Amino acid sequence: MILHSLQLTPFLLLLAATSLHADSVSVSSRFDFNFDDANVAAVLPAAVLPAASIDGRSLAAGPAPTLQPPFEPCSPKPICPNTPRTGYAPDGSCNNLVDGGRGSVNRPYRRLISPAYSDGRNSPRRATNGNELPSPRLISTSMAGSMASSTTASSIMPFWGQYIVHDIANTPSTTRTPGVNCRCDRPDRDCINIQIPRNDVQF
C-alpha cells in the first residue's frame, strides 16, 4: 500500500508535538485553557455572548455559501478521473469521491452562523448593543493566561499549528492597488487594528 506523504504529515507532526496517552484529557485542560462559562462571561460582555445563537439556530445550521451575479466561483469545478488515485491531491481537488470540488482550493466555506457585518456588507461586526467587540488580544490572554512553556508539547507544535492554520486560512484575498498602509493612528477602512490592553504581559 502506497501512502501519499501529505496523508502522514499532520499525524506525525501531532505525535511529535504532543505526548499522547490512552487516558489523554481534553485540549483545554492539557494546555490550561479556561473556557468555562464563568471565565468567558468575565471577559465578554453580555451583549456579545448571545451573538453565536442570535438567530436561534445551532452552529451547524448556517447557510450554505451562495454566489449571486456578478460573482462567480473562484475556480471551476475540477474534472476528476474515473479511476481513484492512490493518494490525496495537495490542492484538495477530487479528494471527495462524491463531490470532487468539496475541500478543494478556491471554494467557498460553509458558514457556521449567518453573517453579522455592522454595515450589512463587510465591516467588522459589533455587539448586539452596537458597541465594539472586545480586543481579540484581551480575549486570548484572558482565556489562555500567561503560560509561557508547556511540559506536554515540544517546540515542533507551533509548526504543526501553522500547517493547520495556513491550510484553513489560505483563501483568496484581494488587495487594492498599490496596497494598503495600515497605520495605528489613522487606520484605513480595509485595516482592522487590534487594541493591546495596557496591562498586557508581553507588550
N, C-alpha and C. Protein backbone atom coordinates (compact mmCIF):
# COMPACT_ATOMS: atom_id res chain seq x y z
N MET A 1 0.85 -1.19 0.00
CA MET A 1 0.00 0.00 0.00
C MET A 1 0.88 1.24 0.00
N ILE A 2 0.58 2.17 -0.88
CA ILE A 2 1.37 3.39 -1.01
C ILE A 2 0.60 4.53 -0.37
N LEU A 3 1.23 5.23 0.54
CA LEU A 3 0.61 6.37 1.19
C LEU A 3 1.25 7.65 0.70
N HIS A 4 0.41 8.61 0.40
CA HIS A 4 0.92 9.91 -0.01
C HIS A 4 1.53 10.60 1.20
N SER A 5 2.60 11.34 0.98
CA SER A 5 3.31 11.97 2.10
C SER A 5 2.41 12.93 2.88
N LEU A 6 1.49 13.60 2.17
CA LEU A 6 0.62 14.56 2.85
C LEU A 6 -0.37 13.88 3.78
N GLN A 7 -0.61 12.56 3.55
CA GLN A 7 -1.52 11.86 4.44
C GLN A 7 -0.90 11.68 5.82
N LEU A 8 0.40 11.49 5.87
CA LEU A 8 1.07 11.19 7.13
C LEU A 8 1.55 12.43 7.87
N THR A 9 1.79 13.51 7.13
CA THR A 9 2.41 14.68 7.75
C THR A 9 1.66 15.22 8.96
N PRO A 10 0.34 15.50 8.87
CA PRO A 10 -0.33 16.05 10.06
C PRO A 10 -0.28 15.11 11.25
N PHE A 11 -0.41 13.80 10.99
CA PHE A 11 -0.41 12.84 12.09
C PHE A 11 0.95 12.77 12.75
N LEU A 12 2.02 12.75 11.95
CA LEU A 12 3.37 12.69 12.51
C LEU A 12 3.69 13.95 13.28
N LEU A 13 3.27 15.09 12.76
CA LEU A 13 3.52 16.33 13.47
C LEU A 13 2.77 16.38 14.79
N LEU A 14 1.56 15.83 14.79
CA LEU A 14 0.79 15.81 16.03
C LEU A 14 1.46 14.92 17.06
N LEU A 15 1.97 13.77 16.63
CA LEU A 15 2.66 12.88 17.56
C LEU A 15 3.92 13.53 18.12
N ALA A 16 4.63 14.25 17.26
CA ALA A 16 5.85 14.90 17.72
C ALA A 16 5.57 16.09 18.62
N ALA A 17 4.42 16.71 18.42
CA ALA A 17 4.12 17.93 19.17
C ALA A 17 3.55 17.67 20.54
N THR A 18 2.88 16.55 20.71
CA THR A 18 2.22 16.28 21.99
C THR A 18 2.57 14.89 22.48
N SER A 19 2.50 14.69 23.78
CA SER A 19 2.70 13.37 24.34
C SER A 19 1.33 12.73 24.49
N LEU A 20 1.02 11.75 23.64
CA LEU A 20 -0.30 11.14 23.61
C LEU A 20 -0.34 9.96 24.57
N HIS A 21 -1.40 9.86 25.33
CA HIS A 21 -1.60 8.76 26.26
C HIS A 21 -3.00 8.22 26.08
N ALA A 22 -3.22 7.01 26.54
CA ALA A 22 -4.54 6.39 26.43
C ALA A 22 -5.56 7.15 27.25
N ASP A 23 -5.10 7.76 28.33
CA ASP A 23 -6.02 8.50 29.19
C ASP A 23 -5.90 10.00 28.95
N SER A 24 -5.64 10.38 27.68
CA SER A 24 -5.48 11.80 27.37
C SER A 24 -6.75 12.55 27.73
N VAL A 25 -6.54 13.74 28.26
CA VAL A 25 -7.68 14.57 28.61
C VAL A 25 -7.89 15.61 27.52
N SER A 26 -8.85 16.47 27.70
CA SER A 26 -9.18 17.44 26.67
C SER A 26 -8.05 18.45 26.48
N VAL A 27 -8.05 19.08 25.30
CA VAL A 27 -7.02 20.07 24.99
C VAL A 27 -7.09 21.21 25.98
N SER A 28 -8.30 21.61 26.37
CA SER A 28 -8.42 22.76 27.26
C SER A 28 -7.74 22.52 28.60
N SER A 29 -7.84 21.29 29.13
CA SER A 29 -7.23 21.03 30.42
C SER A 29 -5.74 20.74 30.29
N ARG A 30 -5.31 20.19 29.15
CA ARG A 30 -3.89 19.89 28.97
C ARG A 30 -3.07 21.16 28.82
N PHE A 31 -3.65 22.20 28.24
CA PHE A 31 -2.90 23.42 27.98
C PHE A 31 -3.40 24.60 28.80
N ASP A 32 -4.12 24.31 29.86
CA ASP A 32 -4.56 25.35 30.79
C ASP A 32 -5.42 26.43 30.14
N PHE A 33 -6.22 26.05 29.15
CA PHE A 33 -7.18 26.98 28.57
C PHE A 33 -8.45 26.89 29.40
N ASN A 34 -8.92 28.01 29.89
CA ASN A 34 -10.08 28.01 30.77
C ASN A 34 -11.30 28.53 30.02
N PHE A 35 -11.97 27.62 29.32
CA PHE A 35 -13.13 28.02 28.54
C PHE A 35 -14.44 27.75 29.28
N ASP A 36 -14.44 27.88 30.61
CA ASP A 36 -15.67 27.68 31.34
C ASP A 36 -16.53 28.93 31.23
N ASP A 37 -17.83 28.77 31.50
CA ASP A 37 -18.78 29.86 31.31
C ASP A 37 -18.43 31.08 32.15
N ALA A 38 -17.98 30.87 33.38
CA ALA A 38 -17.69 31.99 34.27
C ALA A 38 -16.53 32.82 33.73
N ASN A 39 -15.48 32.14 33.22
CA ASN A 39 -14.32 32.85 32.70
C ASN A 39 -14.67 33.62 31.43
N VAL A 40 -15.48 32.99 30.57
CA VAL A 40 -15.88 33.66 29.34
C VAL A 40 -16.73 34.89 29.66
N ALA A 41 -17.67 34.74 30.60
CA ALA A 41 -18.55 35.85 30.96
C ALA A 41 -17.78 37.01 31.57
N ALA A 42 -16.64 36.71 32.21
CA ALA A 42 -15.85 37.77 32.83
C ALA A 42 -15.14 38.62 31.79
N VAL A 43 -14.90 38.05 30.61
CA VAL A 43 -14.18 38.77 29.56
C VAL A 43 -15.13 39.39 28.55
N LEU A 44 -16.15 38.63 28.16
CA LEU A 44 -17.06 39.10 27.14
C LEU A 44 -18.31 39.71 27.76
N PRO A 45 -18.69 40.90 27.35
CA PRO A 45 -19.93 41.49 27.87
C PRO A 45 -21.13 40.70 27.41
N ALA A 46 -22.22 40.85 28.13
CA ALA A 46 -23.43 40.08 27.82
C ALA A 46 -23.93 40.35 26.41
N ALA A 47 -23.67 41.54 25.90
CA ALA A 47 -24.14 41.87 24.56
C ALA A 47 -23.43 41.09 23.48
N VAL A 48 -22.28 40.50 23.81
CA VAL A 48 -21.51 39.75 22.82
C VAL A 48 -21.88 38.28 22.85
N LEU A 49 -22.11 37.74 24.04
CA LEU A 49 -22.31 36.31 24.19
C LEU A 49 -23.45 35.74 23.37
N PRO A 50 -24.61 36.39 23.26
CA PRO A 50 -25.70 35.77 22.51
C PRO A 50 -25.49 35.76 21.01
N ALA A 51 -24.42 36.37 20.51
CA ALA A 51 -24.26 36.52 19.07
C ALA A 51 -24.18 35.18 18.35
N ALA A 52 -23.60 34.15 18.99
CA ALA A 52 -23.43 32.86 18.33
C ALA A 52 -24.76 32.18 18.06
N SER A 53 -25.78 32.53 18.80
CA SER A 53 -27.10 31.93 18.59
C SER A 53 -28.14 33.03 18.41
N ILE A 54 -27.72 34.12 17.79
CA ILE A 54 -28.60 35.27 17.68
C ILE A 54 -29.83 34.97 16.84
N ASP A 55 -29.71 34.03 15.88
CA ASP A 55 -30.86 33.70 15.06
C ASP A 55 -31.61 32.49 15.59
N GLY A 56 -31.23 32.00 16.77
CA GLY A 56 -31.94 30.89 17.39
C GLY A 56 -31.64 29.54 16.78
N ARG A 57 -30.62 29.46 15.94
CA ARG A 57 -30.28 28.19 15.30
C ARG A 57 -28.96 27.67 15.84
N SER A 58 -28.75 26.37 15.67
CA SER A 58 -27.49 25.79 16.13
C SER A 58 -26.37 26.22 15.20
N LEU A 59 -25.12 26.04 15.68
CA LEU A 59 -23.97 26.47 14.88
C LEU A 59 -23.87 25.72 13.57
N ALA A 60 -24.35 24.47 13.54
CA ALA A 60 -24.23 23.66 12.33
C ALA A 60 -25.31 23.99 11.30
N ALA A 61 -26.19 24.92 11.61
CA ALA A 61 -27.31 25.21 10.71
C ALA A 61 -27.09 26.48 9.91
N GLY A 62 -25.85 26.88 9.74
CA GLY A 62 -25.57 28.09 8.99
C GLY A 62 -25.91 27.93 7.53
N PRO A 63 -26.09 29.03 6.82
CA PRO A 63 -26.46 28.96 5.41
C PRO A 63 -25.32 28.46 4.55
N ALA A 64 -25.66 27.75 3.50
CA ALA A 64 -24.65 27.32 2.55
C ALA A 64 -24.13 28.53 1.79
N PRO A 65 -22.86 28.52 1.35
CA PRO A 65 -22.34 29.67 0.61
C PRO A 65 -23.09 29.86 -0.69
N THR A 66 -23.47 31.06 -0.98
CA THR A 66 -24.20 31.36 -2.21
C THR A 66 -23.43 32.39 -3.01
N LEU A 67 -23.52 32.26 -4.31
CA LEU A 67 -22.85 33.18 -5.22
C LEU A 67 -23.90 33.75 -6.16
N GLN A 68 -24.07 35.05 -6.14
CA GLN A 68 -25.06 35.70 -6.97
C GLN A 68 -24.36 36.59 -7.98
N PRO A 69 -24.97 36.80 -9.13
CA PRO A 69 -24.35 37.66 -10.14
C PRO A 69 -24.02 39.02 -9.55
N PRO A 70 -22.88 39.64 -9.92
CA PRO A 70 -21.95 39.16 -10.95
C PRO A 70 -20.86 38.25 -10.42
N PHE A 71 -21.01 37.73 -9.19
CA PHE A 71 -19.97 36.89 -8.61
C PHE A 71 -20.02 35.48 -9.20
N GLU A 72 -18.87 34.88 -9.34
CA GLU A 72 -18.76 33.52 -9.85
C GLU A 72 -17.79 32.75 -8.97
N PRO A 73 -17.84 31.42 -9.02
CA PRO A 73 -16.87 30.64 -8.23
C PRO A 73 -15.45 31.04 -8.57
N CYS A 74 -14.58 30.97 -7.57
CA CYS A 74 -13.18 31.37 -7.78
C CYS A 74 -12.48 30.47 -8.79
N SER A 75 -12.90 29.23 -8.90
CA SER A 75 -12.30 28.31 -9.86
C SER A 75 -13.37 27.32 -10.30
N PRO A 76 -13.28 26.81 -11.52
CA PRO A 76 -14.28 25.83 -11.98
C PRO A 76 -14.17 24.52 -11.21
N LYS A 77 -15.26 23.79 -11.20
CA LYS A 77 -15.27 22.50 -10.51
C LYS A 77 -14.30 21.55 -11.22
N PRO A 78 -13.44 20.87 -10.48
CA PRO A 78 -12.44 20.01 -11.13
C PRO A 78 -13.08 18.81 -11.82
N ILE A 79 -12.45 18.37 -12.88
CA ILE A 79 -12.88 17.16 -13.59
C ILE A 79 -12.05 16.01 -13.04
N CYS A 80 -12.70 15.08 -12.37
CA CYS A 80 -12.00 14.01 -11.68
C CYS A 80 -11.90 12.76 -12.55
N PRO A 81 -10.80 12.02 -12.45
CA PRO A 81 -10.66 10.78 -13.22
C PRO A 81 -11.59 9.70 -12.70
N ASN A 82 -11.95 8.78 -13.56
CA ASN A 82 -12.83 7.68 -13.16
C ASN A 82 -12.13 6.69 -12.24
N THR A 83 -10.82 6.58 -12.40
CA THR A 83 -10.05 5.65 -11.57
C THR A 83 -9.55 6.37 -10.32
N PRO A 84 -9.88 5.86 -9.14
CA PRO A 84 -9.42 6.52 -7.89
C PRO A 84 -7.90 6.59 -7.84
N ARG A 85 -7.38 7.65 -7.27
CA ARG A 85 -5.94 7.82 -7.14
C ARG A 85 -5.45 7.11 -5.89
N THR A 86 -4.14 6.91 -5.83
CA THR A 86 -3.55 6.23 -4.67
C THR A 86 -3.27 7.18 -3.52
N GLY A 87 -3.36 8.47 -3.77
CA GLY A 87 -3.09 9.44 -2.71
C GLY A 87 -3.95 10.67 -2.89
N TYR A 88 -3.88 11.55 -1.91
CA TYR A 88 -4.66 12.78 -1.95
C TYR A 88 -3.94 13.86 -2.74
N ALA A 89 -4.71 14.70 -3.40
CA ALA A 89 -4.14 15.83 -4.13
C ALA A 89 -3.83 16.96 -3.15
N PRO A 90 -2.68 17.60 -3.27
CA PRO A 90 -2.34 18.70 -2.34
C PRO A 90 -3.33 19.85 -2.37
N ASP A 91 -3.97 20.09 -3.53
CA ASP A 91 -4.92 21.20 -3.61
C ASP A 91 -6.34 20.79 -3.22
N GLY A 92 -6.52 19.55 -2.80
CA GLY A 92 -7.83 19.10 -2.34
C GLY A 92 -8.79 18.68 -3.42
N SER A 93 -8.45 18.87 -4.68
CA SER A 93 -9.37 18.52 -5.76
C SER A 93 -9.51 17.01 -5.89
N CYS A 94 -10.75 16.59 -6.08
CA CYS A 94 -11.10 15.18 -6.30
C CYS A 94 -10.79 14.28 -5.11
N ASN A 95 -10.50 14.84 -3.95
CA ASN A 95 -10.30 14.02 -2.76
C ASN A 95 -11.63 13.52 -2.21
N ASN A 96 -12.69 14.26 -2.45
CA ASN A 96 -14.03 13.83 -2.06
C ASN A 96 -14.62 13.04 -3.22
N LEU A 97 -14.92 11.76 -2.99
CA LEU A 97 -15.38 10.89 -4.07
C LEU A 97 -16.79 11.24 -4.52
N VAL A 98 -17.57 11.88 -3.68
CA VAL A 98 -18.94 12.25 -4.04
C VAL A 98 -18.97 13.56 -4.81
N ASP A 99 -18.24 14.54 -4.33
CA ASP A 99 -18.17 15.86 -4.97
C ASP A 99 -16.72 16.28 -5.01
N GLY A 100 -16.11 16.19 -6.18
CA GLY A 100 -14.69 16.49 -6.32
C GLY A 100 -14.30 17.91 -6.01
N GLY A 101 -15.28 18.82 -5.96
CA GLY A 101 -14.97 20.20 -5.65
C GLY A 101 -14.92 20.51 -4.17
N ARG A 102 -15.52 19.65 -3.36
CA ARG A 102 -15.54 19.90 -1.91
C ARG A 102 -14.14 19.76 -1.32
N GLY A 103 -13.76 20.74 -0.55
CA GLY A 103 -12.45 20.70 0.09
C GLY A 103 -11.31 21.13 -0.80
N SER A 104 -11.59 21.50 -2.04
CA SER A 104 -10.52 21.92 -2.93
C SER A 104 -10.26 23.41 -2.78
N VAL A 105 -9.15 23.85 -3.33
CA VAL A 105 -8.77 25.25 -3.21
C VAL A 105 -9.76 26.15 -3.94
N ASN A 106 -9.83 27.39 -3.48
CA ASN A 106 -10.67 28.41 -4.11
C ASN A 106 -12.16 28.08 -4.11
N ARG A 107 -12.59 27.31 -3.13
CA ARG A 107 -14.02 27.03 -2.98
C ARG A 107 -14.51 27.72 -1.71
N PRO A 108 -15.73 28.23 -1.70
CA PRO A 108 -16.23 28.94 -0.51
C PRO A 108 -16.50 27.98 0.64
N TYR A 109 -16.27 28.45 1.85
CA TYR A 109 -16.58 27.68 3.04
C TYR A 109 -18.06 27.83 3.38
N ARG A 110 -18.61 26.83 4.05
CA ARG A 110 -19.97 26.95 4.56
C ARG A 110 -19.90 27.70 5.88
N ARG A 111 -20.79 28.65 6.06
CA ARG A 111 -20.82 29.42 7.30
C ARG A 111 -21.40 28.60 8.43
N LEU A 112 -20.83 28.78 9.64
CA LEU A 112 -21.40 28.15 10.82
C LEU A 112 -22.63 28.91 11.29
N ILE A 113 -22.59 30.22 11.19
CA ILE A 113 -23.74 31.06 11.54
C ILE A 113 -23.89 32.13 10.48
N SER A 114 -25.02 32.79 10.49
CA SER A 114 -25.27 33.83 9.49
C SER A 114 -24.32 35.01 9.70
N PRO A 115 -23.96 35.72 8.62
CA PRO A 115 -23.06 36.87 8.77
C PRO A 115 -23.73 37.98 9.56
N ALA A 116 -22.91 38.77 10.24
CA ALA A 116 -23.43 39.87 11.05
C ALA A 116 -22.54 41.08 10.91
N TYR A 117 -22.27 41.50 9.67
CA TYR A 117 -21.44 42.68 9.45
C TYR A 117 -22.18 43.92 9.96
N SER A 118 -21.45 44.85 10.55
CA SER A 118 -22.10 46.02 11.15
C SER A 118 -22.76 46.90 10.10
N ASP A 119 -22.20 46.92 8.88
CA ASP A 119 -22.82 47.72 7.82
C ASP A 119 -23.62 46.86 6.85
N GLY A 120 -23.76 45.56 7.17
CA GLY A 120 -24.51 44.67 6.30
C GLY A 120 -23.74 44.13 5.13
N ARG A 121 -22.46 44.56 4.97
CA ARG A 121 -21.69 44.12 3.81
C ARG A 121 -20.36 43.49 4.19
N ASN A 122 -19.43 44.31 4.77
CA ASN A 122 -18.10 43.76 5.00
C ASN A 122 -17.36 44.36 6.19
N SER A 123 -17.95 45.27 6.93
CA SER A 123 -17.25 45.85 8.08
C SER A 123 -17.38 44.94 9.30
N PRO A 124 -16.42 45.02 10.24
CA PRO A 124 -16.44 44.13 11.41
C PRO A 124 -17.76 44.24 12.17
N ARG A 125 -18.23 43.10 12.65
CA ARG A 125 -19.48 43.08 13.39
C ARG A 125 -19.30 43.73 14.75
N ARG A 126 -20.40 44.12 15.33
CA ARG A 126 -20.41 44.73 16.66
C ARG A 126 -21.26 43.89 17.59
N ALA A 127 -21.24 44.26 18.86
CA ALA A 127 -22.08 43.57 19.84
C ALA A 127 -23.54 43.90 19.55
N THR A 128 -24.44 43.14 20.15
CA THR A 128 -25.86 43.35 19.89
C THR A 128 -26.35 44.71 20.36
N ASN A 129 -25.60 45.35 21.26
CA ASN A 129 -26.00 46.69 21.71
C ASN A 129 -25.33 47.79 20.89
N GLY A 130 -24.58 47.42 19.85
CA GLY A 130 -23.96 48.39 18.97
C GLY A 130 -22.54 48.77 19.33
N ASN A 131 -22.04 48.34 20.48
CA ASN A 131 -20.68 48.67 20.88
C ASN A 131 -19.67 47.80 20.15
N GLU A 132 -18.41 48.25 20.14
CA GLU A 132 -17.35 47.46 19.53
C GLU A 132 -17.10 46.20 20.35
N LEU A 133 -16.63 45.15 19.67
CA LEU A 133 -16.32 43.90 20.36
C LEU A 133 -15.03 44.05 21.16
N PRO A 134 -14.83 43.23 22.18
CA PRO A 134 -13.59 43.29 22.96
C PRO A 134 -12.37 42.99 22.08
N SER A 135 -11.23 43.46 22.51
CA SER A 135 -9.99 43.23 21.79
C SER A 135 -9.70 41.73 21.71
N PRO A 136 -9.40 41.20 20.51
CA PRO A 136 -9.03 39.79 20.40
C PRO A 136 -7.84 39.43 21.28
N ARG A 137 -6.92 40.38 21.45
CA ARG A 137 -5.76 40.13 22.30
C ARG A 137 -6.18 39.96 23.75
N LEU A 138 -7.15 40.75 24.21
CA LEU A 138 -7.65 40.63 25.57
C LEU A 138 -8.32 39.28 25.78
N ILE A 139 -9.08 38.84 24.79
CA ILE A 139 -9.75 37.54 24.90
C ILE A 139 -8.72 36.43 24.96
N SER A 140 -7.70 36.49 24.10
CA SER A 140 -6.68 35.44 24.06
C SER A 140 -5.93 35.33 25.38
N THR A 141 -5.49 36.47 25.90
CA THR A 141 -4.72 36.43 27.15
C THR A 141 -5.59 36.05 28.34
N SER A 142 -6.86 36.40 28.30
CA SER A 142 -7.76 36.05 29.40
C SER A 142 -8.10 34.57 29.39
N MET A 143 -8.25 34.00 28.21
CA MET A 143 -8.60 32.59 28.11
C MET A 143 -7.39 31.68 28.35
N ALA A 144 -6.25 32.05 27.76
CA ALA A 144 -5.07 31.18 27.83
C ALA A 144 -4.15 31.51 28.98
N GLY A 145 -4.32 32.66 29.63
CA GLY A 145 -3.43 33.02 30.71
C GLY A 145 -2.08 33.45 30.20
N SER A 146 -1.08 33.42 31.06
CA SER A 146 0.26 33.88 30.69
C SER A 146 1.27 32.74 30.68
N MET A 147 0.79 31.50 30.45
CA MET A 147 1.68 30.35 30.44
C MET A 147 2.68 30.49 29.30
N ALA A 148 3.96 30.46 29.63
CA ALA A 148 5.00 30.65 28.63
C ALA A 148 5.60 29.34 28.15
N SER A 149 5.43 28.27 28.89
CA SER A 149 6.02 26.99 28.50
C SER A 149 5.07 25.86 28.84
N SER A 150 5.33 24.70 28.25
CA SER A 150 4.48 23.54 28.49
C SER A 150 5.35 22.30 28.61
N THR A 151 4.99 21.40 29.50
CA THR A 151 5.74 20.16 29.66
C THR A 151 5.17 19.06 28.78
N THR A 152 4.07 19.32 28.09
CA THR A 152 3.44 18.28 27.27
C THR A 152 3.55 18.56 25.78
N ALA A 153 4.21 19.65 25.38
CA ALA A 153 4.34 19.98 23.97
C ALA A 153 5.79 20.32 23.66
N SER A 154 6.25 19.85 22.51
CA SER A 154 7.62 20.14 22.09
C SER A 154 7.63 21.40 21.23
N SER A 155 8.82 21.80 20.82
CA SER A 155 8.96 23.03 20.04
C SER A 155 8.43 22.88 18.62
N ILE A 156 8.08 21.67 18.22
CA ILE A 156 7.55 21.49 16.87
C ILE A 156 6.05 21.75 16.81
N MET A 157 5.42 21.89 17.98
CA MET A 157 3.97 22.12 17.99
C MET A 157 3.56 23.39 17.25
N PRO A 158 4.28 24.53 17.40
CA PRO A 158 3.88 25.71 16.63
C PRO A 158 3.89 25.48 15.12
N PHE A 159 4.82 24.66 14.64
CA PHE A 159 4.87 24.39 13.21
C PHE A 159 3.68 23.56 12.76
N TRP A 160 3.26 22.63 13.62
CA TRP A 160 2.05 21.86 13.32
C TRP A 160 0.85 22.79 13.29
N GLY A 161 0.79 23.71 14.24
CA GLY A 161 -0.31 24.67 14.26
C GLY A 161 -0.32 25.53 13.01
N GLN A 162 0.86 25.98 12.57
CA GLN A 162 0.94 26.79 11.36
C GLN A 162 0.50 26.00 10.14
N TYR A 163 0.83 24.72 10.12
CA TYR A 163 0.42 23.86 9.00
C TYR A 163 -1.10 23.83 8.89
N ILE A 164 -1.77 23.65 10.02
CA ILE A 164 -3.23 23.58 10.03
C ILE A 164 -3.83 24.95 9.72
N VAL A 165 -3.31 25.99 10.36
CA VAL A 165 -3.87 27.33 10.16
C VAL A 165 -3.72 27.79 8.72
N HIS A 166 -2.56 27.57 8.13
CA HIS A 166 -2.34 28.02 6.77
C HIS A 166 -3.22 27.26 5.79
N ASP A 167 -3.50 26.00 6.09
CA ASP A 167 -4.37 25.23 5.22
C ASP A 167 -5.78 25.80 5.25
N ILE A 168 -6.22 26.24 6.43
CA ILE A 168 -7.57 26.78 6.57
C ILE A 168 -7.65 28.22 6.07
N ALA A 169 -6.62 29.00 6.37
CA ALA A 169 -6.67 30.44 6.08
C ALA A 169 -6.17 30.81 4.70
N ASN A 170 -5.63 29.86 3.95
CA ASN A 170 -5.07 30.18 2.64
C ASN A 170 -6.19 30.32 1.61
N THR A 171 -7.06 31.28 1.83
CA THR A 171 -8.18 31.53 0.94
C THR A 171 -7.89 32.76 0.10
N PRO A 172 -8.56 32.88 -1.05
CA PRO A 172 -8.29 34.03 -1.92
C PRO A 172 -8.56 35.35 -1.21
N SER A 173 -7.75 36.33 -1.49
CA SER A 173 -7.93 37.66 -0.92
C SER A 173 -7.67 38.70 -2.00
N THR A 174 -8.16 39.88 -1.78
CA THR A 174 -7.97 40.96 -2.73
C THR A 174 -7.22 42.10 -2.07
N THR A 175 -6.43 42.80 -2.83
CA THR A 175 -5.67 43.94 -2.34
C THR A 175 -5.83 45.10 -3.31
N ARG A 176 -6.15 46.25 -2.77
CA ARG A 176 -6.28 47.42 -3.63
C ARG A 176 -4.90 47.87 -4.10
N THR A 177 -4.81 48.30 -5.33
CA THR A 177 -3.55 48.79 -5.87
C THR A 177 -3.30 50.20 -5.36
N PRO A 178 -2.11 50.52 -4.86
CA PRO A 178 -0.92 49.67 -4.70
C PRO A 178 -0.83 48.99 -3.35
N GLY A 179 -1.96 48.67 -2.74
CA GLY A 179 -1.94 48.07 -1.42
C GLY A 179 -2.40 49.07 -0.37
N VAL A 180 -2.48 48.62 0.86
CA VAL A 180 -2.97 49.46 1.95
C VAL A 180 -1.90 49.57 3.02
N ASN A 181 -1.63 50.80 3.46
CA ASN A 181 -0.69 51.04 4.54
C ASN A 181 -1.47 51.16 5.84
N CYS A 182 -1.49 50.08 6.61
CA CYS A 182 -2.26 50.06 7.85
C CYS A 182 -1.47 50.76 8.96
N ARG A 183 -1.96 51.89 9.43
CA ARG A 183 -1.30 52.66 10.48
C ARG A 183 -2.16 52.67 11.73
N CYS A 184 -1.50 52.78 12.87
CA CYS A 184 -2.22 52.78 14.14
C CYS A 184 -2.98 54.08 14.37
N ASP A 185 -2.41 55.21 13.92
CA ASP A 185 -3.05 56.49 14.20
C ASP A 185 -4.20 56.80 13.25
N ARG A 186 -4.06 56.39 11.99
CA ARG A 186 -5.13 56.63 11.02
C ARG A 186 -5.37 55.35 10.23
N PRO A 187 -6.11 54.41 10.80
CA PRO A 187 -6.32 53.13 10.11
C PRO A 187 -7.18 53.29 8.87
N ASP A 188 -6.80 52.60 7.81
CA ASP A 188 -7.58 52.58 6.59
C ASP A 188 -8.85 51.77 6.81
N ARG A 189 -9.85 52.00 6.00
CA ARG A 189 -11.10 51.27 6.17
C ARG A 189 -10.93 49.77 5.92
N ASP A 190 -9.87 49.38 5.22
CA ASP A 190 -9.60 47.97 5.00
C ASP A 190 -8.71 47.37 6.08
N CYS A 191 -8.33 48.16 7.07
CA CYS A 191 -7.47 47.67 8.15
C CYS A 191 -8.30 47.48 9.42
N ILE A 192 -7.97 46.46 10.15
CA ILE A 192 -8.63 46.20 11.43
C ILE A 192 -7.55 46.16 12.50
N ASN A 193 -7.34 47.26 13.19
CA ASN A 193 -6.32 47.32 14.23
C ASN A 193 -6.79 46.59 15.48
N ILE A 194 -5.88 45.93 16.14
CA ILE A 194 -6.17 45.20 17.37
C ILE A 194 -5.62 45.99 18.55
N GLN A 195 -6.49 46.38 19.45
CA GLN A 195 -6.08 47.14 20.63
C GLN A 195 -5.36 46.23 21.62
N ILE A 196 -4.20 46.68 22.11
CA ILE A 196 -3.43 45.93 23.10
C ILE A 196 -3.78 46.46 24.49
N PRO A 197 -4.22 45.59 25.41
CA PRO A 197 -4.54 46.06 26.77
C PRO A 197 -3.32 46.69 27.44
N ARG A 198 -3.55 47.67 28.31
CA ARG A 198 -2.45 48.36 28.99
C ARG A 198 -1.64 47.42 29.87
N ASN A 199 -2.28 46.43 30.46
CA ASN A 199 -1.57 45.51 31.36
C ASN A 199 -1.14 44.23 30.67
N ASP A 200 -0.97 44.27 29.35
CA ASP A 200 -0.56 43.08 28.61
C ASP A 200 0.83 42.65 29.08
N VAL A 201 0.99 41.37 29.38
CA VAL A 201 2.24 40.87 29.95
C VAL A 201 3.38 40.86 28.94
N GLN A 202 3.06 40.86 27.66
CA GLN A 202 4.11 40.77 26.64
C GLN A 202 4.39 42.11 25.98
N PHE A 203 3.37 42.88 25.74
CA PHE A 203 3.55 44.16 25.05
C PHE A 203 3.52 45.34 26.01
